[in-house]
C-alpha cells in the first residue's frame, strides 16, 4: 500500500510538470523552404553517377537477357546430345549399331 501511494505521488508530480509545459512553436516558413528546395533539386540536372544510372540499368537488363538466352540454348543442345547418345547406347546394346542412324536405315533399303 505504501508503494502505491509513492507511485500516485510521482504520477501527480509528473502530471503537474506536463500541465506547466508550453507548446513548442515551429518555424512558420519551414514548409515553404522545404518546397523550394525540393523544386530546386527537381529542376537541377543530374550529376555524375545519377546521370549514368538509367544507362547502367538498361545495360544490366540486356546482360541478364543475354545470359538467359545463352543458358537456354546450352540446355537445348545438351538435351539433344544426351538423347542421341542414349539412342546410340540402346542400339549398340541390342546389336542394332548400323540402324542407330535413321538415314543409314533408308540407305540400306534402297
PDB file of N, CA and C in Angstrom:
ATOM      1  N   UNK A   1       0.817  -1.187   0.000  1.00  0.00           N
ATOM      2  CA  UNK A   1       0.000   0.000   0.000  1.00  0.00           C
ATOM      3  C   UNK A   1       0.864   1.255   0.000  1.00  0.00           C
ATOM      4  N   UNK A   2       1.979   1.174   0.708  1.00  0.00           N
ATOM      5  CA  UNK A   2       2.892   2.310   0.784  1.00  0.00           C
ATOM      6  C   UNK A   2       3.493   2.611  -0.587  1.00  0.00           C
ATOM      7  N   UNK A   3       3.799   1.523  -1.338  1.00  0.00           N
ATOM      8  CA  UNK A   3       4.361   1.701  -2.680  1.00  0.00           C
ATOM      9  C   UNK A   3       3.361   2.354  -3.622  1.00  0.00           C
ATOM     10  N   UNK A   4       2.096   1.969  -3.474  1.00  0.00           N
ATOM     11  CA  UNK A   4       1.056   2.540  -4.332  1.00  0.00           C
ATOM     12  C   UNK A   4       0.922   4.040  -4.094  1.00  0.00           C
ATOM     13  N   UNK A   5       1.037   4.478  -2.861  1.00  0.00           N
ATOM     14  CA  UNK A   5       0.925   5.910  -2.561  1.00  0.00           C
ATOM     15  C   UNK A   5       2.134   6.664  -3.124  1.00  0.00           C
ATOM     16  N   UNK A   6       3.329   6.030  -3.084  1.00  0.00           N
ATOM     17  CA  UNK A   6       4.509   6.664  -3.674  1.00  0.00           C
ATOM     18  C   UNK A   6       4.329   6.818  -5.183  1.00  0.00           C
ATOM     19  N   UNK A   7       3.769   5.778  -5.786  1.00  0.00           N
ATOM     20  CA  UNK A   7       3.547   5.836  -7.235  1.00  0.00           C
ATOM     21  C   UNK A   7       2.541   6.929  -7.562  1.00  0.00           C
ATOM     22  N   UNK A   8       1.472   7.041  -6.768  1.00  0.00           N
ATOM     23  CA  UNK A   8       0.460   8.076  -7.002  1.00  0.00           C
ATOM     24  C   UNK A   8       1.057   9.474  -6.865  1.00  0.00           C
ATOM     25  N   UNK A   9       1.939   9.667  -5.891  1.00  0.00           N
ATOM     26  CA  UNK A   9       2.588  10.966  -5.690  1.00  0.00           C
ATOM     27  C   UNK A   9       3.453  11.311  -6.897  1.00  0.00           C
ATOM     28  N   UNK A  10       4.211  10.318  -7.391  1.00  0.00           N
ATOM     29  CA  UNK A  10       5.078  10.551  -8.554  1.00  0.00           C
ATOM     30  C   UNK A  10       4.252  10.862  -9.808  1.00  0.00           C
ATOM     31  N   UNK A  11       3.140  10.181  -9.961  1.00  0.00           N
ATOM     32  CA  UNK A  11       2.260  10.434 -11.108  1.00  0.00           C
ATOM     33  C   UNK A  11       1.696  11.854 -11.024  1.00  0.00           C
ATOM     34  N   UNK A  12       1.297  12.269  -9.848  1.00  0.00           N
ATOM     35  CA  UNK A  12       0.760  13.620  -9.675  1.00  0.00           C
ATOM     36  C   UNK A  12       1.821  14.676  -9.989  1.00  0.00           C
ATOM     37  N   UNK A  13       3.059  14.447  -9.543  1.00  0.00           N
ATOM     38  CA  UNK A  13       4.144  15.392  -9.838  1.00  0.00           C
ATOM     39  C   UNK A  13       4.370  15.485 -11.349  1.00  0.00           C
ATOM     40  N   UNK A  14       4.373  14.317 -12.010  1.00  0.00           N
ATOM     41  CA  UNK A  14       4.601  14.284 -13.458  1.00  0.00           C
ATOM     42  C   UNK A  14       3.483  15.020 -14.184  1.00  0.00           C
ATOM     43  N   UNK A  15       2.255  14.828 -13.759  1.00  0.00           N
ATOM     44  CA  UNK A  15       1.119  15.485 -14.411  1.00  0.00           C
ATOM     45  C   UNK A  15       1.193  17.008 -14.233  1.00  0.00           C
ATOM     46  N   UNK A  16       1.626  17.481 -13.067  1.00  0.00           N
ATOM     47  CA  UNK A  16       1.767  18.921 -12.855  1.00  0.00           C
ATOM     48  C   UNK A  16       2.826  19.513 -13.769  1.00  0.00           C
ATOM     49  N   UNK A  17       3.940  18.789 -13.918  1.00  0.00           N
ATOM     50  CA  UNK A  17       5.006  19.269 -14.790  1.00  0.00           C
ATOM     51  C   UNK A  17       4.512  19.329 -16.233  1.00  0.00           C
ATOM     52  N   UNK A  18       3.780  18.317 -16.649  1.00  0.00           N
ATOM     53  CA  UNK A  18       3.257  18.296 -18.027  1.00  0.00           C
ATOM     54  C   UNK A  18       2.255  19.422 -18.263  1.00  0.00           C
ATOM     55  N   UNK A  19       1.453  19.746 -17.237  1.00  0.00           N
ATOM     56  CA  UNK A  19       0.490  20.842 -17.378  1.00  0.00           C
ATOM     57  C   UNK A  19       1.184  22.192 -17.519  1.00  0.00           C
ATOM     58  N   UNK A  20       2.357  22.349 -16.937  1.00  0.00           N
ATOM     59  CA  UNK A  20       3.074  23.624 -16.971  1.00  0.00           C
ATOM     60  C   UNK A  20       3.857  23.822 -18.266  1.00  0.00           C
ATOM     61  N   UNK A  21       4.078  22.747 -19.024  1.00  0.00           N
ATOM     62  CA  UNK A  21       4.843  22.877 -20.263  1.00  0.00           C
ATOM     63  C   UNK A  21       4.063  23.658 -21.300  1.00  0.00           C
ATOM     64  N   UNK A  22       4.774  24.481 -22.039  1.00  0.00           N
ATOM     65  CA  UNK A  22       4.147  25.226 -23.126  1.00  0.00           C
ATOM     66  C   UNK A  22       4.404  24.492 -24.439  1.00  0.00           C
ATOM     67  N   UNK A  23       3.495  24.670 -25.360  1.00  0.00           N
ATOM     68  CA  UNK A  23       3.639  24.016 -26.658  1.00  0.00           C
ATOM     69  C   UNK A  23       4.768  24.688 -27.436  1.00  0.00           C
ATOM     70  N   UNK A  24       5.596  23.858 -28.052  1.00  0.00           N
ATOM     71  CA  UNK A  24       6.723  24.380 -28.829  1.00  0.00           C
ATOM     72  C   UNK A  24       6.194  24.934 -30.156  1.00  0.00           C
ATOM     73  N   UNK A  25       6.715  26.076 -30.530  1.00  0.00           N
ATOM     74  CA  UNK A  25       6.315  26.723 -31.784  1.00  0.00           C
ATOM     75  C   UNK A  25       7.310  26.356 -32.874  1.00  0.00           C
ATOM     76  N   UNK A  26       6.799  26.010 -34.039  1.00  0.00           N
ATOM     77  CA  UNK A  26       7.651  25.680 -35.166  1.00  0.00           C
ATOM     78  C   UNK A  26       7.895  26.898 -36.033  1.00  0.00           C
ATOM     79  N   UNK A  27       8.837  26.790 -36.934  1.00  0.00           N
ATOM     80  CA  UNK A  27       9.129  27.854 -37.874  1.00  0.00           C
ATOM     81  C   UNK A  27       8.007  27.910 -38.908  1.00  0.00           C
ATOM     82  N   UNK A  28       7.330  29.065 -39.024  1.00  0.00           N
ATOM     83  CA  UNK A  28       6.191  29.130 -39.951  1.00  0.00           C
ATOM     84  C   UNK A  28       6.620  29.036 -41.421  1.00  0.00           C
ATOM     85  N   UNK A  29       7.872  29.272 -41.727  1.00  0.00           N
ATOM     86  CA  UNK A  29       8.327  29.247 -43.112  1.00  0.00           C
ATOM     87  C   UNK A  29       9.045  27.940 -43.473  1.00  0.00           C
ATOM     88  N   UNK A  30       8.999  26.960 -42.580  1.00  0.00           N
ATOM     89  CA  UNK A  30       9.706  25.705 -42.819  1.00  0.00           C
ATOM     90  C   UNK A  30       9.181  24.986 -44.057  1.00  0.00           C
ATOM     91  N   UNK A  31       7.874  24.840 -44.187  1.00  0.00           N
ATOM     92  CA  UNK A  31       7.313  24.133 -45.345  1.00  0.00           C
ATOM     93  C   UNK A  31       7.625  24.873 -46.647  1.00  0.00           C
ATOM     94  N   UNK A  32       7.601  26.187 -46.614  1.00  0.00           N
ATOM     95  CA  UNK A  32       7.920  26.963 -47.813  1.00  0.00           C
ATOM     96  C   UNK A  32       9.361  26.712 -48.243  1.00  0.00           C
ATOM     97  N   UNK A  33      10.257  26.703 -47.282  1.00  0.00           N
ATOM     98  CA  UNK A  33      11.672  26.452 -47.599  1.00  0.00           C
ATOM     99  C   UNK A  33      11.874  25.027 -48.139  1.00  0.00           C
ATOM    100  N   UNK A  34      11.218  24.052 -47.516  1.00  0.00           N
ATOM    101  CA  UNK A  34      11.345  22.661 -47.982  1.00  0.00           C
ATOM    102  C   UNK A  34      10.823  22.509 -49.405  1.00  0.00           C
ATOM    103  N   UNK A  35       9.673  23.101 -49.682  1.00  0.00           N
ATOM    104  CA  UNK A  35       9.108  23.011 -51.046  1.00  0.00           C
ATOM    105  C   UNK A  35      10.016  23.674 -52.067  1.00  0.00           C
ATOM    106  N   UNK A  36      10.608  24.807 -51.707  1.00  0.00           N
ATOM    107  CA  UNK A  36      11.526  25.493 -52.622  1.00  0.00           C
ATOM    108  C   UNK A  36      12.761  24.648 -52.883  1.00  0.00           C
ATOM    109  N   UNK A  37      13.296  24.019 -51.865  1.00  0.00           N
ATOM    110  CA  UNK A  37      14.485  23.181 -52.035  1.00  0.00           C
ATOM    111  C   UNK A  37      14.175  21.949 -52.892  1.00  0.00           C
ATOM    112  N   UNK A  38      13.013  21.350 -52.689  1.00  0.00           N
ATOM    113  CA  UNK A  38      12.618  20.187 -53.492  1.00  0.00           C
ATOM    114  C   UNK A  38      12.457  20.587 -54.948  1.00  0.00           C
ATOM    115  N   UNK A  39      11.822  21.722 -55.193  1.00  0.00           N
ATOM    116  CA  UNK A  39      11.645  22.195 -56.571  1.00  0.00           C
ATOM    117  C   UNK A  39      12.996  22.490 -57.221  1.00  0.00           C
ATOM    118  N   UNK A  40      13.922  23.042 -56.463  1.00  0.00           N
ATOM    119  CA  UNK A  40      15.245  23.350 -56.992  1.00  0.00           C
ATOM    120  C   UNK A  40      15.990  22.070 -57.355  1.00  0.00           C
ATOM    121  N   UNK A  41      15.891  21.026 -56.531  1.00  0.00           N
ATOM    122  CA  UNK A  41      16.565  19.773 -56.823  1.00  0.00           C
ATOM    123  C   UNK A  41      15.943  19.060 -58.021  1.00  0.00           C
ATOM    124  N   UNK A  42      14.641  19.199 -58.211  1.00  0.00           N
ATOM    125  CA  UNK A  42      13.980  18.565 -59.349  1.00  0.00           C
ATOM    126  C   UNK A  42      14.395  19.214 -60.664  1.00  0.00           C
ATOM    127  N   UNK A  43      14.613  20.503 -60.652  1.00  0.00           N
ATOM    128  CA  UNK A  43      14.978  21.194 -61.890  1.00  0.00           C
ATOM    129  C   UNK A  43      16.468  21.096 -62.195  1.00  0.00           C
ATOM    130  N   UNK A  44      17.275  20.817 -61.178  1.00  0.00           N
ATOM    131  CA  UNK A  44      18.720  20.716 -61.395  1.00  0.00           C
ATOM    132  C   UNK A  44      19.030  19.463 -62.208  1.00  0.00           C
ATOM    133  N   UNK A  45      20.018  19.571 -63.091  1.00  0.00           N
ATOM    134  CA  UNK A  45      20.424  18.429 -63.912  1.00  0.00           C
ATOM    135  C   UNK A  45      21.119  17.394 -63.039  1.00  0.00           C
ATOM    136  N   UNK A  46      20.844  16.106 -63.294  1.00  0.00           N
ATOM    137  CA  UNK A  46      21.542  15.073 -62.518  1.00  0.00           C
ATOM    138  C   UNK A  46      23.042  15.115 -62.772  1.00  0.00           C
ATOM    139  N   UNK A  47      23.805  14.852 -61.756  1.00  0.00           N
ATOM    140  CA  UNK A  47      25.249  14.959 -61.883  1.00  0.00           C
ATOM    141  C   UNK A  47      25.897  13.608 -61.606  1.00  0.00           C
ATOM    142  N   UNK A  48      27.006  13.382 -62.283  1.00  0.00           N
ATOM    143  CA  UNK A  48      27.838  12.214 -62.014  1.00  0.00           C
ATOM    144  C   UNK A  48      27.140  10.896 -62.258  1.00  0.00           C
ATOM    145  N   UNK A  49      27.165  10.069 -61.236  1.00  0.00           N
ATOM    146  CA  UNK A  49      26.641   8.712 -61.322  1.00  0.00           C
ATOM    147  C   UNK A  49      25.135   8.697 -61.603  1.00  0.00           C
ATOM    148  N   UNK A  50      24.414   9.653 -61.055  1.00  0.00           N
ATOM    149  CA  UNK A  50      22.961   9.696 -61.238  1.00  0.00           C
ATOM    150  C   UNK A  50      22.590   9.857 -62.698  1.00  0.00           C
ATOM    151  N   UNK A  51      23.445  10.514 -63.486  1.00  0.00           N
ATOM    152  CA  UNK A  51      23.155  10.712 -64.901  1.00  0.00           C
ATOM    153  C   UNK A  51      23.359   9.410 -65.670  1.00  0.00           C
ATOM    154  N   UNK A  52      24.290   8.570 -65.230  1.00  0.00           N
ATOM    155  CA  UNK A  52      24.574   7.307 -65.908  1.00  0.00           C
ATOM    156  C   UNK A  52      23.699   6.160 -65.422  1.00  0.00           C
ATOM    157  N   UNK A  53      22.969   6.350 -64.359  1.00  0.00           N
ATOM    158  CA  UNK A  53      22.182   5.274 -63.771  1.00  0.00           C
ATOM    159  C   UNK A  53      21.183   4.648 -64.746  1.00  0.00           C
ATOM    160  N   UNK A  54      20.399   5.401 -65.514  1.00  0.00           N
ATOM    161  CA  UNK A  54      19.474   4.763 -66.454  1.00  0.00           C
ATOM    162  C   UNK A  54      20.195   3.919 -67.512  1.00  0.00           C
ATOM    163  N   UNK A  55      21.334   4.373 -67.980  1.00  0.00           N
ATOM    164  CA  UNK A  55      22.083   3.591 -68.962  1.00  0.00           C
ATOM    165  C   UNK A  55      22.597   2.284 -68.355  1.00  0.00           C
ATOM    166  N   UNK A  56      23.061   2.353 -67.119  1.00  0.00           N
ATOM    167  CA  UNK A  56      23.532   1.153 -66.445  1.00  0.00           C
ATOM    168  C   UNK A  56      22.392   0.164 -66.191  1.00  0.00           C
ATOM    169  N   UNK A  57      21.223   0.664 -65.899  1.00  0.00           N
ATOM    170  CA  UNK A  57      20.079  -0.215 -65.682  1.00  0.00           C
ATOM    171  C   UNK A  57      19.703  -0.936 -66.967  1.00  0.00           C
ATOM    172  N   UNK A  58      19.685  -0.227 -68.077  1.00  0.00           N
ATOM    173  CA  UNK A  58      19.358  -0.838 -69.364  1.00  0.00           C
ATOM    174  C   UNK A  58      20.419  -1.867 -69.734  1.00  0.00           C
ATOM    175  N   UNK A  59      21.674  -1.551 -69.507  1.00  0.00           N
ATOM    176  CA  UNK A  59      22.757  -2.488 -69.816  1.00  0.00           C
ATOM    177  C   UNK A  59      22.640  -3.748 -68.955  1.00  0.00           C
ATOM    178  N   UNK A  60      22.288  -3.599 -67.692  1.00  0.00           N
ATOM    179  CA  UNK A  60      22.149  -4.751 -66.800  1.00  0.00           C
ATOM    180  C   UNK A  60      21.006  -5.656 -67.243  1.00  0.00           C
ATOM    181  N   UNK A  61      19.898  -5.065 -67.642  1.00  0.00           N
ATOM    182  CA  UNK A  61      18.766  -5.864 -68.125  1.00  0.00           C
ATOM    183  C   UNK A  61      19.154  -6.595 -69.402  1.00  0.00           C
ATOM    184  N   UNK A  62      19.843  -5.916 -70.321  1.00  0.00           N
ATOM    185  CA  UNK A  62      20.297  -6.562 -71.550  1.00  0.00           C
ATOM    186  C   UNK A  62      21.248  -7.711 -71.272  1.00  0.00           C
ATOM    187  N   UNK A  63      22.150  -7.520 -70.334  1.00  0.00           N
ATOM    188  CA  UNK A  63      23.094  -8.577 -69.969  1.00  0.00           C
ATOM    189  C   UNK A  63      22.368  -9.786 -69.390  1.00  0.00           C
ATOM    190  N   UNK A  64      21.394  -9.544 -68.536  1.00  0.00           N
ATOM    191  CA  UNK A  64      20.619 -10.649 -67.965  1.00  0.00           C
ATOM    192  C   UNK A  64      19.853 -11.407 -69.047  1.00  0.00           C
ATOM    193  N   UNK A  65      19.273 -10.690 -70.000  1.00  0.00           N
ATOM    194  CA  UNK A  65      18.564 -11.347 -71.100  1.00  0.00           C
ATOM    195  C   UNK A  65      19.526 -12.194 -71.928  1.00  0.00           C
ATOM    196  N   UNK A  66      20.701 -11.673 -72.208  1.00  0.00           N
ATOM    197  CA  UNK A  66      21.693 -12.411 -72.979  1.00  0.00           C
ATOM    198  C   UNK A  66      22.109 -13.692 -72.243  1.00  0.00           C
ATOM    199  N   UNK A  67      22.339 -13.582 -70.954  1.00  0.00           N
ATOM    200  CA  UNK A  67      22.713 -14.759 -70.160  1.00  0.00           C
ATOM    201  C   UNK A  67      21.588 -15.794 -70.189  1.00  0.00           C
ATOM    202  N   UNK A  68      20.342 -15.353 -70.076  1.00  0.00           N
ATOM    203  CA  UNK A  68      19.211 -16.280 -70.115  1.00  0.00           C
ATOM    204  C   UNK A  68      19.113 -16.987 -71.459  1.00  0.00           C
ATOM    205  N   UNK A  69      19.291 -16.260 -72.549  1.00  0.00           N
ATOM    206  CA  UNK A  69      19.215 -16.863 -73.878  1.00  0.00           C
ATOM    207  C   UNK A  69      20.336 -17.874 -74.067  1.00  0.00           C
ATOM    208  N   UNK A  70      21.559 -17.519 -73.677  1.00  0.00           N
ATOM    209  CA  UNK A  70      22.683 -18.447 -73.823  1.00  0.00           C
ATOM    210  C   UNK A  70      22.496 -19.696 -72.960  1.00  0.00           C
ATOM    211  N   UNK A  71      21.976 -19.536 -71.771  1.00  0.00           N
ATOM    212  CA  UNK A  71      21.723 -20.684 -70.900  1.00  0.00           C
ATOM    213  C   UNK A  71      20.660 -21.589 -71.507  1.00  0.00           C
ATOM    214  N   UNK A  72      19.616 -20.997 -72.037  1.00  0.00           N
ATOM    215  CA  UNK A  72      18.543 -21.778 -72.653  1.00  0.00           C
ATOM    216  C   UNK A  72      19.067 -22.554 -73.861  1.00  0.00           C
ATOM    217  N   UNK A  73      19.858 -21.904 -74.694  1.00  0.00           N
ATOM    218  CA  UNK A  73      20.423 -22.590 -75.857  1.00  0.00           C
ATOM    219  C   UNK A  73      21.355 -23.717 -75.417  1.00  0.00           C
ATOM    220  N   UNK A  74      22.117 -23.507 -74.382  1.00  0.00           N
ATOM    221  CA  UNK A  74      23.016 -24.537 -73.870  1.00  0.00           C
ATOM    222  C   UNK A  74      22.225 -25.737 -73.356  1.00  0.00           C
ATOM    223  N   UNK A  75      21.131 -25.470 -72.683  1.00  0.00           N
ATOM    224  CA  UNK A  75      20.305 -26.555 -72.169  1.00  0.00           C
ATOM    225  C   UNK A  75      19.702 -27.365 -73.307  1.00  0.00           C
ATOM    226  N   UNK A  76      19.258 -26.706 -74.356  1.00  0.00           N
ATOM    227  CA  UNK A  76      18.667 -27.408 -75.501  1.00  0.00           C
ATOM    228  C   UNK A  76      19.712 -28.275 -76.187  1.00  0.00           C
ATOM    229  N   UNK A  77      20.905 -27.738 -76.416  1.00  0.00           N
ATOM    230  CA  UNK A  77      21.935 -28.514 -77.105  1.00  0.00           C
ATOM    231  C   UNK A  77      22.399 -29.683 -76.243  1.00  0.00           C
ATOM    232  N   UNK A  78      22.462 -29.521 -74.919  1.00  0.00           N
ATOM    233  CA  UNK A  78      22.845 -30.616 -74.026  1.00  0.00           C
ATOM    234  C   UNK A  78      21.802 -31.729 -74.057  1.00  0.00           C
ATOM    235  N   UNK A  79      20.522 -31.360 -74.049  1.00  0.00           N
ATOM    236  CA  UNK A  79      19.462 -32.366 -74.090  1.00  0.00           C
ATOM    237  C   UNK A  79      19.494 -33.143 -75.402  1.00  0.00           C
ATOM    238  N   UNK A  80      19.751 -32.468 -76.511  1.00  0.00           N
ATOM    239  CA  UNK A  80      19.810 -33.133 -77.808  1.00  0.00           C
ATOM    240  C   UNK A  80      20.979 -34.109 -77.841  1.00  0.00           C
ATOM    241  N   UNK A  81      22.117 -33.703 -77.330  1.00  0.00           N
ATOM    242  CA  UNK A  81      23.289 -34.575 -77.303  1.00  0.00           C
ATOM    243  C   UNK A  81      23.034 -35.781 -76.418  1.00  0.00           C
ATOM    244  N   UNK A  82      22.361 -35.615 -75.297  1.00  0.00           N
ATOM    245  CA  UNK A  82      22.066 -36.733 -74.414  1.00  0.00           C
ATOM    246  C   UNK A  82      21.093 -37.700 -75.064  1.00  0.00           C
ATOM    247  N   UNK A  83      20.099 -37.189 -75.783  1.00  0.00           N
ATOM    248  CA  UNK A  83      19.140 -38.057 -76.452  1.00  0.00           C
ATOM    249  C   UNK A  83      19.829 -38.884 -77.528  1.00  0.00           C
ATOM    250  N   UNK A  84      20.712 -38.279 -78.308  1.00  0.00           N
ATOM    251  CA  UNK A  84      21.414 -39.017 -79.340  1.00  0.00           C
ATOM    252  C   UNK A  84      22.307 -40.091 -78.721  1.00  0.00           C
ATOM    253  N   UNK A  85      23.005 -39.769 -77.666  1.00  0.00           N
ATOM    254  CA  UNK A  85      23.883 -40.754 -77.060  1.00  0.00           C
ATOM    255  C   UNK A  85      23.061 -41.882 -76.449  1.00  0.00           C
ATOM    256  N   UNK A  86      21.898 -41.585 -75.891  1.00  0.00           N
ATOM    257  CA  UNK A  86      21.043 -42.618 -75.335  1.00  0.00           C
ATOM    258  C   UNK A  86      20.540 -43.545 -76.447  1.00  0.00           C
ATOM    259  N   UNK A  87      20.174 -42.972 -77.586  1.00  0.00           N
ATOM    260  CA  UNK A  87      19.724 -43.773 -78.729  1.00  0.00           C
ATOM    261  C   UNK A  87      20.848 -44.668 -79.224  1.00  0.00           C
ATOM    262  N   UNK A  88      22.021 -44.107 -79.309  1.00  0.00           N
ATOM    263  CA  UNK A  88      23.162 -44.901 -79.766  1.00  0.00           C
ATOM    264  C   UNK A  88      23.475 -46.024 -78.790  1.00  0.00           C
ATOM    265  N   UNK A  89      23.423 -45.766 -77.494  1.00  0.00           N
ATOM    266  CA  UNK A  89      23.677 -46.790 -76.493  1.00  0.00           C
ATOM    267  C   UNK A  89      22.658 -47.917 -76.598  1.00  0.00           C
ATOM    268  N   UNK A  90      21.409 -47.565 -76.764  1.00  0.00           N
ATOM    269  CA  UNK A  90      20.358 -48.561 -76.886  1.00  0.00           C
ATOM    270  C   UNK A  90      20.551 -49.425 -78.130  1.00  0.00           C
ATOM    271  N   UNK A  91      20.878 -48.780 -79.242  1.00  0.00           N
ATOM    272  CA  UNK A  91      21.093 -49.520 -80.485  1.00  0.00           C
ATOM    273  C   UNK A  91      22.295 -50.450 -80.370  1.00  0.00           C
ATOM    274  N   UNK A  92      23.337 -49.980 -79.750  1.00  0.00           N
ATOM    275  CA  UNK A  92      24.537 -50.810 -79.585  1.00  0.00           C
ATOM    276  C   UNK A  92      24.270 -51.976 -78.642  1.00  0.00           C
ATOM    277  N   UNK A  93      23.453 -51.747 -77.613  1.00  0.00           N
ATOM    278  CA  UNK A  93      23.160 -52.798 -76.658  1.00  0.00           C
ATOM    279  C   UNK A  93      22.391 -53.944 -77.309  1.00  0.00           C
ATOM    280  N   UNK A  94      21.494 -53.644 -78.212  1.00  0.00           N
ATOM    281  CA  UNK A  94      20.696 -54.667 -78.870  1.00  0.00           C
ATOM    282  C   UNK A  94      21.293 -55.116 -80.204  1.00  0.00           C
ATOM    283  N   UNK A  95      22.481 -54.631 -80.519  1.00  0.00           N
ATOM    284  CA  UNK A  95      23.145 -55.053 -81.741  1.00  0.00           C
ATOM    285  C   UNK A  95      22.595 -54.409 -83.000  1.00  0.00           C
ATOM    286  N   UNK A  96      22.009 -53.272 -82.855  1.00  0.00           N
ATOM    287  CA  UNK A  96      21.466 -52.553 -84.000  1.00  0.00           C
ATOM    288  C   UNK A  96      22.351 -51.361 -84.334  1.00  0.00           C
ATOM    289  N   UNK A  97      23.622 -51.479 -84.192  1.00  0.00           N
ATOM    290  CA  UNK A  97      24.547 -50.380 -84.387  1.00  0.00           C
ATOM    291  C   UNK A  97      24.402 -49.703 -85.728  1.00  0.00           C
ATOM    292  N   UNK A  98      24.155 -50.466 -86.767  1.00  0.00           N
ATOM    293  CA  UNK A  98      24.035 -49.847 -88.095  1.00  0.00           C
ATOM    294  C   UNK A  98      22.706 -49.144 -88.278  1.00  0.00           C
ATOM    295  N   UNK A  99      21.718 -49.464 -87.429  1.00  0.00           N
ATOM    296  CA  UNK A  99      20.401 -48.832 -87.559  1.00  0.00           C
ATOM    297  C   UNK A  99      20.211 -47.678 -86.572  1.00  0.00           C
ATOM    298  N   UNK A 100      21.255 -47.322 -85.839  1.00  0.00           N
ATOM    299  CA  UNK A 100      21.149 -46.222 -84.873  1.00  0.00           C
ATOM    300  C   UNK A 100      20.891 -44.906 -85.573  1.00  0.00           C
ATOM    301  N   UNK A 101      21.394 -44.753 -86.766  1.00  0.00           N
ATOM    302  CA  UNK A 101      21.187 -43.545 -87.547  1.00  0.00           C
ATOM    303  C   UNK A 101      20.063 -43.823 -88.531  1.00  0.00           C
ATOM    304  N   UNK A 102      18.935 -43.153 -88.446  1.00  0.00           N
ATOM    305  CA  UNK A 102      17.803 -43.431 -89.325  1.00  0.00           C
ATOM    306  C   UNK A 102      18.141 -43.245 -90.823  1.00  0.00           C
ATOM    307  N   UNK A 103      19.073 -42.332 -91.148  1.00  0.00           N
ATOM    308  CA  UNK A 103      19.408 -42.147 -92.552  1.00  0.00           C
ATOM    309  C   UNK A 103      20.094 -43.391 -93.110  1.00  0.00           C
ATOM    310  N   UNK A 104      20.877 -44.126 -92.288  1.00  0.00           N
ATOM    311  CA  UNK A 104      21.509 -45.338 -92.771  1.00  0.00           C
ATOM    312  C   UNK A 104      20.478 -46.426 -93.005  1.00  0.00           C
ATOM    313  N   UNK A 105      19.374 -46.400 -92.289  1.00  0.00           N
ATOM    314  CA  UNK A 105      18.315 -47.374 -92.465  1.00  0.00           C
ATOM    315  C   UNK A 105      17.680 -47.216 -93.842  1.00  0.00           C
ATOM    316  N   UNK A 106      17.441 -45.981 -94.242  1.00  0.00           N
ATOM    317  CA  UNK A 106      16.841 -45.727 -95.546  1.00  0.00           C
ATOM    318  C   UNK A 106      17.816 -46.048 -96.665  1.00  0.00           C
ATOM    319  N   UNK A 107      19.109 -45.793 -96.435  1.00  0.00           N
ATOM    320  CA  UNK A 107      20.114 -46.084 -97.456  1.00  0.00           C
ATOM    321  C   UNK A 107      20.217 -47.583 -97.709  1.00  0.00           C
ATOM    322  N   UNK A 108      20.090 -48.408 -96.678  1.00  0.00           N
ATOM    323  CA  UNK A 108      20.239 -49.844 -96.849  1.00  0.00           C
ATOM    324  C   UNK A 108      19.040 -50.455 -97.556  1.00  0.00           C
ATOM    325  N   UNK A 109      17.877 -49.802 -97.469  1.00  0.00           N
ATOM    326  CA  UNK A 109      16.686 -50.330 -98.134  1.00  0.00           C
ATOM    327  C   UNK A 109      16.701 -50.019 -99.627  1.00  0.00           C
ATOM    328  N   UNK A 110      17.345 -48.997-100.067  1.00  0.00           N
ATOM    329  CA  UNK A 110      17.340 -48.589-101.468  1.00  0.00           C
ATOM    330  C   UNK A 110      18.353 -49.284-102.221  1.00  0.00           C
TER     331      UNK A 110
END
